[in-house]
PDB file of all heavy atoms in Angstrom:
ATOM      1  N   GLN A   1      81.330 114.235 110.435  1.00  0.00           N
ATOM      2  CA  GLN A   1      80.097 114.811 110.929  1.00  0.00           C
ATOM      3  C   GLN A   1      78.774 114.039 110.410  1.00  0.00           C
ATOM      4  O   GLN A   1      77.664 114.242 110.835  1.00  0.00           O
ATOM      5  CB  GLN A   1      79.860 116.231 110.403  1.00  0.00           C
ATOM      6  CG  GLN A   1      80.805 117.215 111.075  1.00  0.00           C
ATOM      7  CD  GLN A   1      80.790 118.549 110.458  1.00  0.00           C
ATOM      8  OE1 GLN A   1      80.863 118.808 109.128  1.00  0.00           O
ATOM      9  NE2 GLN A   1      80.703 119.622 111.233  1.00  0.00           N
ATOM     10  N   MET A   2      79.007 113.073 109.540  1.00  0.00           N
ATOM     11  CA  MET A   2      77.943 112.211 109.049  1.00  0.00           C
ATOM     12  C   MET A   2      77.249 111.274 110.042  1.00  0.00           C
ATOM     13  O   MET A   2      76.211 110.837 109.735  1.00  0.00           O
ATOM     14  CB  MET A   2      78.433 111.402 107.826  1.00  0.00           C
ATOM     15  CG  MET A   2      78.850 112.249 106.681  1.00  0.00           C
ATOM     16  SD  MET A   2      77.551 113.348 106.017  1.00  0.00           S
ATOM     17  CE  MET A   2      76.407 112.145 105.334  1.00  0.00           C
ATOM     18  N   THR A   3      77.841 111.212 111.229  1.00  0.00           N
ATOM     19  CA  THR A   3      77.217 110.393 112.251  1.00  0.00           C
ATOM     20  C   THR A   3      76.229 111.299 113.039  1.00  0.00           C
ATOM     21  O   THR A   3      75.524 110.851 113.919  1.00  0.00           O
ATOM     22  CB  THR A   3      78.205 109.705 113.128  1.00  0.00           C
ATOM     23  OG1 THR A   3      79.011 110.660 113.744  1.00  0.00           O
ATOM     24  CG2 THR A   3      78.953 108.614 112.375  1.00  0.00           C
ATOM     25  N   SER A   4      76.257 112.545 112.891  1.00  0.00           N
ATOM     26  CA  SER A   4      75.371 113.583 113.591  1.00  0.00           C
ATOM     27  C   SER A   4      74.082 113.717 112.865  1.00  0.00           C
ATOM     28  O   SER A   4      74.101 114.145 111.730  1.00  0.00           O
ATOM     29  CB  SER A   4      76.158 114.966 113.691  1.00  0.00           C
ATOM     30  OG  SER A   4      75.228 115.930 114.016  1.00  0.00           O
ATOM     31  N   ALA A   5      72.999 113.280 113.447  1.00  0.00           N
ATOM     32  CA  ALA A   5      71.642 113.458 112.936  1.00  0.00           C
ATOM     33  C   ALA A   5      71.322 115.010 112.663  1.00  0.00           C
ATOM     34  O   ALA A   5      70.814 115.171 111.563  1.00  0.00           O
ATOM     35  CB  ALA A   5      70.553 112.916 113.829  1.00  0.00           C
ATOM     36  N   GLU A   6      71.819 115.724 113.397  1.00  0.00           N
ATOM     37  CA  GLU A   6      71.652 117.220 113.131  1.00  0.00           C
ATOM     38  C   GLU A   6      72.408 117.708 111.817  1.00  0.00           C
ATOM     39  O   GLU A   6      71.743 118.398 111.048  1.00  0.00           O
ATOM     40  CB  GLU A   6      72.187 118.068 114.252  1.00  0.00           C
ATOM     41  CG  GLU A   6      71.709 119.443 114.240  1.00  0.00           C
ATOM     42  CD  GLU A   6      72.123 120.222 115.543  1.00  0.00           C
ATOM     43  OE1 GLU A   6      71.968 119.669 116.631  1.00  0.00           O
ATOM     44  OE2 GLU A   6      72.720 121.270 115.466  1.00  0.00           O
ATOM     45  N   ALA A   7      73.573 117.295 111.635  1.00  0.00           N
ATOM     46  CA  ALA A   7      74.321 117.599 110.406  1.00  0.00           C
ATOM     47  C   ALA A   7      73.678 117.145 109.127  1.00  0.00           C
ATOM     48  O   ALA A   7      73.456 117.721 108.218  1.00  0.00           O
ATOM     49  CB  ALA A   7      75.704 117.211 110.448  1.00  0.00           C
ATOM     50  N   VAL A   8      73.261 115.790 109.315  1.00  0.00           N
ATOM     51  CA  VAL A   8      72.612 115.115 108.143  1.00  0.00           C
ATOM     52  C   VAL A   8      71.208 115.629 107.802  1.00  0.00           C
ATOM     53  O   VAL A   8      70.917 115.771 106.646  1.00  0.00           O
ATOM     54  CB  VAL A   8      72.559 113.647 108.377  1.00  0.00           C
ATOM     55  CG1 VAL A   8      71.815 112.761 107.272  1.00  0.00           C
ATOM     56  CG2 VAL A   8      73.960 113.024 108.531  1.00  0.00           C
ATOM     57  N   LYS A   9      70.559 116.014 108.776  1.00  0.00           N
ATOM     58  CA  LYS A   9      69.144 116.553 108.569  1.00  0.00           C
ATOM     59  C   LYS A   9      69.211 117.812 107.826  1.00  0.00           C
ATOM     60  O   LYS A   9      68.308 118.152 107.082  1.00  0.00           O
ATOM     61  CB  LYS A   9      68.505 116.915 110.017  1.00  0.00           C
ATOM     62  CG  LYS A   9      67.113 117.353 109.936  1.00  0.00           C
ATOM     63  CD  LYS A   9      66.420 117.280 111.210  1.00  0.00           C
ATOM     64  CE  LYS A   9      67.089 118.116 112.330  1.00  0.00           C
ATOM     65  NZ  LYS A   9      66.443 118.247 113.585  1.00  0.00           N
ATOM     66  N   LYS A  10      70.232 118.624 107.795  1.00  0.00           N
ATOM     67  CA  LYS A  10      70.420 119.799 107.073  1.00  0.00           C
ATOM     68  C   LYS A  10      70.722 119.698 105.543  1.00  0.00           C
ATOM     69  O   LYS A  10      70.662 120.680 104.822  1.00  0.00           O
ATOM     70  CB  LYS A  10      71.505 120.791 107.742  1.00  0.00           C
ATOM     71  CG  LYS A  10      71.195 121.189 109.051  1.00  0.00           C
ATOM     72  CD  LYS A  10      72.459 121.978 109.605  1.00  0.00           C
ATOM     73  CE  LYS A  10      72.137 122.417 111.072  1.00  0.00           C
ATOM     74  NZ  LYS A  10      73.242 123.155 111.604  1.00  0.00           N
ATOM     75  N   LEU A  11      70.958 118.399 105.187  1.00  0.00           N
ATOM     76  CA  LEU A  11      71.420 118.248 103.891  1.00  0.00           C
ATOM     77  C   LEU A  11      70.102 117.991 103.005  1.00  0.00           C
ATOM     78  O   LEU A  11      69.092 117.475 103.361  1.00  0.00           O
ATOM     79  CB  LEU A  11      72.151 116.819 103.731  1.00  0.00           C
ATOM     80  CG  LEU A  11      73.524 116.789 104.390  1.00  0.00           C
ATOM     81  CD1 LEU A  11      74.037 115.410 104.400  1.00  0.00           C
ATOM     82  CD2 LEU A  11      74.475 117.773 103.687  1.00  0.00           C
ATOM     83  N   SER A  12      70.246 118.570 101.770  1.00  0.00           N
ATOM     84  CA  SER A  12      69.207 118.539 100.789  1.00  0.00           C
ATOM     85  C   SER A  12      69.066 117.212 100.143  1.00  0.00           C
ATOM     86  O   SER A  12      70.071 116.387 100.267  1.00  0.00           O
ATOM     87  CB  SER A  12      69.278 119.611  99.790  1.00  0.00           C
ATOM     88  OG  SER A  12      70.257 119.321  98.900  1.00  0.00           O
ATOM     89  N   LYS A  13      68.049 116.872  99.470  1.00  0.00           N
ATOM     90  CA  LYS A  13      68.095 115.631  98.739  1.00  0.00           C
ATOM     91  C   LYS A  13      69.094 115.453  97.635  1.00  0.00           C
ATOM     92  O   LYS A  13      69.674 114.421  97.390  1.00  0.00           O
ATOM     93  CB  LYS A  13      66.552 115.403  98.004  1.00  0.00           C
ATOM     94  CG  LYS A  13      65.565 115.066  99.025  1.00  0.00           C
ATOM     95  CD  LYS A  13      64.235 114.778  98.210  1.00  0.00           C
ATOM     96  CE  LYS A  13      63.142 114.506  99.338  1.00  0.00           C
ATOM     97  NZ  LYS A  13      61.882 114.197  98.686  1.00  0.00           N
ATOM     98  N   ALA A  14      69.376 116.676  97.050  1.00  0.00           N
ATOM     99  CA  ALA A  14      70.465 116.739  96.009  1.00  0.00           C
ATOM    100  C   ALA A  14      71.837 116.349  96.682  1.00  0.00           C
ATOM    101  O   ALA A  14      72.581 115.636  96.108  1.00  0.00           O
ATOM    102  CB  ALA A  14      70.576 118.093  95.344  1.00  0.00           C
ATOM    103  N   ASP A  15      71.979 116.982  97.845  1.00  0.00           N
ATOM    104  CA  ASP A  15      73.275 116.760  98.552  1.00  0.00           C
ATOM    105  C   ASP A  15      73.392 115.230  98.884  1.00  0.00           C
ATOM    106  O   ASP A  15      74.484 114.664  98.795  1.00  0.00           O
ATOM    107  CB  ASP A  15      73.284 117.567  99.911  1.00  0.00           C
ATOM    108  CG  ASP A  15      73.402 119.049  99.787  1.00  0.00           C
ATOM    109  OD1 ASP A  15      73.877 119.481  98.665  1.00  0.00           O
ATOM    110  OD2 ASP A  15      73.139 119.780 100.597  1.00  0.00           O
ATOM    111  N   ILE A  16      72.327 114.678  99.409  1.00  0.00           N
ATOM    112  CA  ILE A  16      72.327 113.287  99.807  1.00  0.00           C
ATOM    113  C   ILE A  16      72.662 112.368  98.460  1.00  0.00           C
ATOM    114  O   ILE A  16      73.431 111.389  98.626  1.00  0.00           O
ATOM    115  CB  ILE A  16      71.138 112.865 100.509  1.00  0.00           C
ATOM    116  CG1 ILE A  16      71.085 113.566 101.923  1.00  0.00           C
ATOM    117  CG2 ILE A  16      70.961 111.299 100.608  1.00  0.00           C
ATOM    118  CD1 ILE A  16      69.711 113.370 102.670  1.00  0.00           C
ATOM    119  N   ALA A  17      71.959 112.759  97.398  1.00  0.00           N
ATOM    120  CA  ALA A  17      72.217 111.953  96.151  1.00  0.00           C
ATOM    121  C   ALA A  17      73.683 112.102  95.775  1.00  0.00           C
ATOM    122  O   ALA A  17      74.299 111.039  95.326  1.00  0.00           O
ATOM    123  CB  ALA A  17      71.318 112.483  95.141  1.00  0.00           C
ATOM    124  N   LYS A  18      74.298 113.259  95.950  1.00  0.00           N
ATOM    125  CA  LYS A  18      75.681 113.476  95.527  1.00  0.00           C
ATOM    126  C   LYS A  18      76.585 112.608  96.343  1.00  0.00           C
ATOM    127  O   LYS A  18      77.547 112.065  95.966  1.00  0.00           O
ATOM    128  CB  LYS A  18      76.042 114.941  95.747  1.00  0.00           C
ATOM    129  CG  LYS A  18      77.438 115.309  95.287  1.00  0.00           C
ATOM    130  CD  LYS A  18      77.784 116.707  95.438  1.00  0.00           C
ATOM    131  CE  LYS A  18      76.963 117.470  94.500  1.00  0.00           C
ATOM    132  NZ  LYS A  18      77.340 119.000  94.320  1.00  0.00           N
ATOM    133  N   LEU A  19      76.330 112.606  97.697  1.00  0.00           N
ATOM    134  CA  LEU A  19      77.094 111.779  98.686  1.00  0.00           C
ATOM    135  C   LEU A  19      76.898 110.328  98.258  1.00  0.00           C
ATOM    136  O   LEU A  19      77.937 109.573  98.341  1.00  0.00           O
ATOM    137  CB  LEU A  19      76.710 112.094  99.961  1.00  0.00           C
ATOM    138  CG  LEU A  19      77.014 113.434 100.575  1.00  0.00           C
ATOM    139  CD1 LEU A  19      76.423 113.650 101.991  1.00  0.00           C
ATOM    140  CD2 LEU A  19      78.597 113.626 100.677  1.00  0.00           C
ATOM    141  N   ASN A  20      75.790 109.882  97.947  1.00  0.00           N
ATOM    142  CA  ASN A  20      75.457 108.545  97.674  1.00  0.00           C
ATOM    143  C   ASN A  20      76.262 108.029  96.420  1.00  0.00           C
ATOM    144  O   ASN A  20      76.799 106.935  96.294  1.00  0.00           O
ATOM    145  CB  ASN A  20      73.913 108.215  97.525  1.00  0.00           C
ATOM    146  CG  ASN A  20      73.336 108.054  98.851  1.00  0.00           C
ATOM    147  OD1 ASN A  20      73.968 107.699  99.891  1.00  0.00           O
ATOM    148  ND2 ASN A  20      71.985 108.362  98.972  1.00  0.00           N
ATOM    149  N   VAL A  21      76.335 108.923  95.461  1.00  0.00           N
ATOM    150  CA  VAL A  21      77.052 108.508  94.230  1.00  0.00           C
ATOM    151  C   VAL A  21      78.622 108.293  94.610  1.00  0.00           C
ATOM    152  O   VAL A  21      79.181 107.234  94.228  1.00  0.00           O
ATOM    153  CB  VAL A  21      77.028 109.626  93.182  1.00  0.00           C
ATOM    154  CG1 VAL A  21      78.061 109.630  92.035  1.00  0.00           C
ATOM    155  CG2 VAL A  21      75.511 109.656  92.630  1.00  0.00           C
ATOM    156  N   ALA A  22      79.165 109.175  95.370  1.00  0.00           N
ATOM    157  CA  ALA A  22      80.515 109.046  95.889  1.00  0.00           C
ATOM    158  C   ALA A  22      80.766 107.805  96.740  1.00  0.00           C
ATOM    159  O   ALA A  22      81.633 107.110  96.561  1.00  0.00           O
ATOM    160  CB  ALA A  22      80.941 110.259  96.535  1.00  0.00           C
ATOM    161  N   TYR A  23      79.719 107.542  97.673  1.00  0.00           N
ATOM    162  CA  TYR A  23      79.957 106.385  98.501  1.00  0.00           C
ATOM    163  C   TYR A  23      79.870 105.162  97.764  1.00  0.00           C
ATOM    164  O   TYR A  23      80.632 104.143  98.024  1.00  0.00           O
ATOM    165  CB  TYR A  23      78.860 106.368  99.626  1.00  0.00           C
ATOM    166  CG  TYR A  23      78.919 107.589 100.629  1.00  0.00           C
ATOM    167  CD1 TYR A  23      77.774 107.842 101.404  1.00  0.00           C
ATOM    168  CD2 TYR A  23      80.038 108.347 100.796  1.00  0.00           C
ATOM    169  CE1 TYR A  23      77.904 108.902 102.312  1.00  0.00           C
ATOM    170  CE2 TYR A  23      80.115 109.403 101.695  1.00  0.00           C
ATOM    171  CZ  TYR A  23      78.964 109.669 102.428  1.00  0.00           C
ATOM    172  OH  TYR A  23      79.073 110.614 103.358  1.00  0.00           O
ATOM    173  N   LYS A  24      78.904 105.011  96.723  1.00  0.00           N
ATOM    174  CA  LYS A  24      78.669 103.859  95.964  1.00  0.00           C
ATOM    175  C   LYS A  24      79.948 103.482  95.073  1.00  0.00           C
ATOM    176  O   LYS A  24      80.378 102.451  94.969  1.00  0.00           O
ATOM    177  CB  LYS A  24      77.404 103.938  95.051  1.00  0.00           C
ATOM    178  CG  LYS A  24      76.173 103.749  95.825  1.00  0.00           C
ATOM    179  CD  LYS A  24      74.941 103.974  94.956  1.00  0.00           C
ATOM    180  CE  LYS A  24      73.700 103.753  95.725  1.00  0.00           C
ATOM    181  NZ  LYS A  24      72.436 103.986  94.903  1.00  0.00           N
ATOM    182  N   ALA A  25      80.522 104.577  94.568  1.00  0.00           N
ATOM    183  CA  ALA A  25      81.780 104.430  93.821  1.00  0.00           C
ATOM    184  C   ALA A  25      82.918 103.911  94.633  1.00  0.00           C
ATOM    185  O   ALA A  25      83.621 102.938  94.256  1.00  0.00           O
ATOM    186  CB  ALA A  25      82.216 105.821  93.246  1.00  0.00           C
ATOM    187  N   PHE A  26      83.035 104.390  95.934  1.00  0.00           N
ATOM    188  CA  PHE A  26      84.055 103.909  96.828  1.00  0.00           C
ATOM    189  C   PHE A  26      83.737 102.372  97.124  1.00  0.00           C
ATOM    190  O   PHE A  26      84.626 101.577  97.206  1.00  0.00           O
ATOM    191  CB  PHE A  26      84.068 104.735  98.135  1.00  0.00           C
ATOM    192  CG  PHE A  26      85.110 104.333  99.038  1.00  0.00           C
ATOM    193  CD1 PHE A  26      86.433 104.613  98.997  1.00  0.00           C
ATOM    194  CD2 PHE A  26      84.762 103.486 100.084  1.00  0.00           C
ATOM    195  CE1 PHE A  26      87.366 104.300  99.910  1.00  0.00           C
ATOM    196  CE2 PHE A  26      85.627 103.167 101.161  1.00  0.00           C
ATOM    197  CZ  PHE A  26      87.021 103.521 100.895  1.00  0.00           C
ATOM    198  N   ASN A  27      82.540 102.158  97.496  1.00  0.00           N
ATOM    199  CA  ASN A  27      82.093 100.742  97.865  1.00  0.00           C
ATOM    200  C   ASN A  27      82.199  99.790  96.701  1.00  0.00           C
ATOM    201  O   ASN A  27      82.353  98.629  96.971  1.00  0.00           O
ATOM    202  CB  ASN A  27      80.679 100.883  98.506  1.00  0.00           C
ATOM    203  CG  ASN A  27      80.679 101.415  99.835  1.00  0.00           C
ATOM    204  OD1 ASN A  27      81.708 101.505 100.498  1.00  0.00           O
ATOM    205  ND2 ASN A  27      79.556 102.046 100.169  1.00  0.00           N
ATOM    206  N   ALA A  28      82.140 100.331  95.492  1.00  0.00           N
ATOM    207  CA  ALA A  28      82.290  99.391  94.357  1.00  0.00           C
ATOM    208  C   ALA A  28      83.696  99.080  93.927  1.00  0.00           C
ATOM    209  O   ALA A  28      83.992  98.522  92.995  1.00  0.00           O
ATOM    210  CB  ALA A  28      81.618 100.107  93.120  1.00  0.00           C
ATOM    211  N   THR A  29      84.694  99.371  94.862  1.00  0.00           N
ATOM    212  CA  THR A  29      86.070  99.171  94.582  1.00  0.00           C
ATOM    213  C   THR A  29      86.606  97.748  95.305  1.00  0.00           C
ATOM    214  O   THR A  29      87.768  97.516  95.444  1.00  0.00           O
ATOM    215  CB  THR A  29      86.979 100.280  95.034  1.00  0.00           C
ATOM    216  OG1 THR A  29      86.885 100.323  96.518  1.00  0.00           O
ATOM    217  CG2 THR A  29      86.763 101.585  94.242  1.00  0.00           C
ATOM    218  N   THR A  30      85.682  96.817  95.448  1.00  0.00           N
ATOM    219  CA  THR A  30      85.967  95.634  96.092  1.00  0.00           C
ATOM    220  C   THR A  30      86.985  94.892  95.191  1.00  0.00           C
ATOM    221  O   THR A  30      87.998  94.315  95.711  1.00  0.00           O
ATOM    222  CB  THR A  30      84.649  94.818  96.286  1.00  0.00           C
ATOM    223  OG1 THR A  30      83.807  95.347  97.140  1.00  0.00           O
ATOM    224  CG2 THR A  30      85.060  93.403  96.939  1.00  0.00           C
ATOM    225  N   ASP A  31      86.757  94.862  93.980  1.00  0.00           N
ATOM    226  CA  ASP A  31      87.763  94.115  93.065  1.00  0.00           C
ATOM    227  C   ASP A  31      89.126  94.662  93.184  1.00  0.00           C
ATOM    228  O   ASP A  31      90.139  93.980  93.066  1.00  0.00           O
ATOM    229  CB  ASP A  31      87.259  94.042  91.641  1.00  0.00           C
ATOM    230  CG  ASP A  31      86.035  93.228  91.393  1.00  0.00           C
ATOM    231  OD1 ASP A  31      85.749  92.443  92.251  1.00  0.00           O
ATOM    232  OD2 ASP A  31      85.377  93.420  90.285  1.00  0.00           O
ATOM    233  N   GLN A  32      89.209  96.023  93.138  1.00  0.00           N
ATOM    234  CA  GLN A  32      90.461  96.686  93.160  1.00  0.00           C
ATOM    235  C   GLN A  32      91.224  96.512  94.528  1.00  0.00           C
ATOM    236  O   GLN A  32      92.373  96.267  94.607  1.00  0.00           O
ATOM    237  CB  GLN A  32      90.271  98.251  92.968  1.00  0.00           C
ATOM    238  CG  GLN A  32      89.939  98.598  91.520  1.00  0.00           C
ATOM    239  CD  GLN A  32      88.504  98.467  91.311  1.00  0.00           C
ATOM    240  OE1 GLN A  32      87.611  98.192  92.149  1.00  0.00           O
ATOM    241  NE2 GLN A  32      88.070  98.690  89.929  1.00  0.00           N
ATOM    242  N   ARG A  33      90.472  96.558  95.612  1.00  0.00           N
ATOM    243  CA  ARG A  33      90.973  96.323  96.979  1.00  0.00           C
ATOM    244  C   ARG A  33      91.553  94.830  97.086  1.00  0.00           C
ATOM    245  O   ARG A  33      92.597  94.632  97.573  1.00  0.00           O
ATOM    246  CB  ARG A  33      89.985  96.578  97.999  1.00  0.00           C
ATOM    247  CG  ARG A  33      89.764  98.092  98.253  1.00  0.00           C
ATOM    248  CD  ARG A  33      88.761  98.480  99.266  1.00  0.00           C
ATOM    249  NE  ARG A  33      87.512  98.630  98.742  1.00  0.00           N
ATOM    250  CZ  ARG A  33      86.455  98.226  99.293  1.00  0.00           C
ATOM    251  NH1 ARG A  33      86.385  97.777 100.442  1.00  0.00           N
ATOM    252  NH2 ARG A  33      85.205  98.395  98.648  1.00  0.00           N
ATOM    253  N   THR A  34      90.662  93.907  96.477  1.00  0.00           N
ATOM    254  CA  THR A  34      91.140  92.481  96.456  1.00  0.00           C
ATOM    255  C   THR A  34      92.485  92.349  95.639  1.00  0.00           C
ATOM    256  O   THR A  34      93.285  91.630  96.115  1.00  0.00           O
ATOM    257  CB  THR A  34      90.020  91.618  95.877  1.00  0.00           C
ATOM    258  OG1 THR A  34      88.924  91.750  96.774  1.00  0.00           O
ATOM    259  CG2 THR A  34      90.459  90.190  95.879  1.00  0.00           C
ATOM    260  N   ALA A  35      92.530  92.991  94.433  1.00  0.00           N
ATOM    261  CA  ALA A  35      93.639  92.896  93.660  1.00  0.00           C
ATOM    262  C   ALA A  35      94.964  93.365  94.324  1.00  0.00           C
ATOM    263  O   ALA A  35      96.023  92.756  94.342  1.00  0.00           O
ATOM    264  CB  ALA A  35      93.497  93.610  92.343  1.00  0.00           C
ATOM    265  N   VAL A  36      94.876  94.622  94.948  1.00  0.00           N
ATOM    266  CA  VAL A  36      95.953  95.142  95.614  1.00  0.00           C
ATOM    267  C   VAL A  36      96.498  94.358  96.788  1.00  0.00           C
ATOM    268  O   VAL A  36      97.660  94.122  97.088  1.00  0.00           O
ATOM    269  CB  VAL A  36      95.891  96.671  95.858  1.00  0.00           C
ATOM    270  CG1 VAL A  36      95.665  97.532  94.691  1.00  0.00           C
ATOM    271  CG2 VAL A  36      94.846  96.999  97.029  1.00  0.00           C
ATOM    272  N   VAL A  37      95.478  93.912  97.538  1.00  0.00           N
ATOM    273  CA  VAL A  37      95.933  93.029  98.724  1.00  0.00           C
ATOM    274  C   VAL A  37      96.618  91.753  98.260  1.00  0.00           C
ATOM    275  O   VAL A  37      97.582  91.429  98.850  1.00  0.00           O
ATOM    276  CB  VAL A  37      94.672  92.836  99.585  1.00  0.00           C
ATOM    277  CG1 VAL A  37      94.913  91.728 100.612  1.00  0.00           C
ATOM    278  CG2 VAL A  37      94.113  94.128 100.370  1.00  0.00           C
ATOM    279  N   LYS A  38      96.059  91.139  97.346  1.00  0.00           N
ATOM    280  CA  LYS A  38      96.647  89.887  96.719  1.00  0.00           C
ATOM    281  C   LYS A  38      98.161  90.210  96.245  1.00  0.00           C
ATOM    282  O   LYS A  38      99.042  89.518  96.538  1.00  0.00           O
ATOM    283  CB  LYS A  38      95.843  89.304  95.570  1.00  0.00           C
ATOM    284  CG  LYS A  38      96.413  88.078  94.992  1.00  0.00           C
ATOM    285  CD  LYS A  38      95.295  87.618  93.917  1.00  0.00           C
ATOM    286  CE  LYS A  38      96.005  86.282  93.270  1.00  0.00           C
ATOM    287  NZ  LYS A  38      95.110  85.860  92.208  1.00  0.00           N
ATOM    288  N   ASN A  39      98.211  91.336  95.554  1.00  0.00           N
ATOM    289  CA  ASN A  39      99.491  91.704  94.909  1.00  0.00           C
ATOM    290  C   ASN A  39     100.610  92.125  95.983  1.00  0.00           C
ATOM    291  O   ASN A  39     101.733  91.656  95.887  1.00  0.00           O
ATOM    292  CB  ASN A  39      99.341  92.845  93.915  1.00  0.00           C
ATOM    293  CG  ASN A  39     100.650  93.369  93.279  1.00  0.00           C
ATOM    294  OD1 ASN A  39     101.320  94.150  93.822  1.00  0.00           O
ATOM    295  ND2 ASN A  39     101.013  92.643  92.326  1.00  0.00           N
ATOM    296  N   MET A  40     100.096  92.778  97.058  1.00  0.00           N
ATOM    297  CA  MET A  40     100.974  93.091  98.119  1.00  0.00           C
ATOM    298  C   MET A  40     101.575  91.851  98.781  1.00  0.00           C
ATOM    299  O   MET A  40     102.722  91.715  99.157  1.00  0.00           O
ATOM    300  CB  MET A  40     100.355  93.967  99.169  1.00  0.00           C
ATOM    301  CG  MET A  40     100.211  95.423  98.814  1.00  0.00           C
ATOM    302  SD  MET A  40      99.491  96.489 100.207  1.00  0.00           S
ATOM    303  CE  MET A  40      97.851  95.836 100.317  1.00  0.00           C
ATOM    304  N   LYS A  41     100.665  90.859  98.902  1.00  0.00           N
ATOM    305  CA  LYS A  41     101.069  89.510  99.548  1.00  0.00           C
ATOM    306  C   LYS A  41     102.036  88.826  98.555  1.00  0.00           C
ATOM    307  O   LYS A  41     103.049  88.380  99.125  1.00  0.00           O
ATOM    308  CB  LYS A  41      99.878  88.746  99.775  1.00  0.00           C
ATOM    309  CG  LYS A  41     100.168  87.374 100.622  1.00  0.00           C
ATOM    310  CD  LYS A  41      98.981  86.782 100.941  1.00  0.00           C
ATOM    311  CE  LYS A  41      99.319  85.451 101.779  1.00  0.00           C
ATOM    312  NZ  LYS A  41      98.093  84.795 102.193  1.00  0.00           N
ATOM    313  N   GLN A  42     101.820  88.832  97.342  1.00  0.00           N
ATOM    314  CA  GLN A  42     102.567  88.084  96.383  1.00  0.00           C
ATOM    315  C   GLN A  42     103.960  88.819  96.153  1.00  0.00           C
ATOM    316  O   GLN A  42     105.073  88.193  96.211  1.00  0.00           O
ATOM    317  CB  GLN A  42     101.907  87.848  95.039  1.00  0.00           C
ATOM    318  CG  GLN A  42     100.823  86.805  95.115  1.00  0.00           C
ATOM    319  CD  GLN A  42      99.980  86.839  93.793  1.00  0.00           C
ATOM    320  OE1 GLN A  42     100.061  87.736  92.961  1.00  0.00           O
ATOM    321  NE2 GLN A  42      99.302  85.767  93.601  1.00  0.00           N
TER     322      GLN A  42
END
């Protein structure tokens, strides 16, 4: 539902901040993703 402007508009600043923390943590896993992809190949 995050692509729906209507759904996102209903979120509070605290809600958006909570989501951003989770998204940033997920996006910060570049090193882990690189490691597992390399390992699967080897």
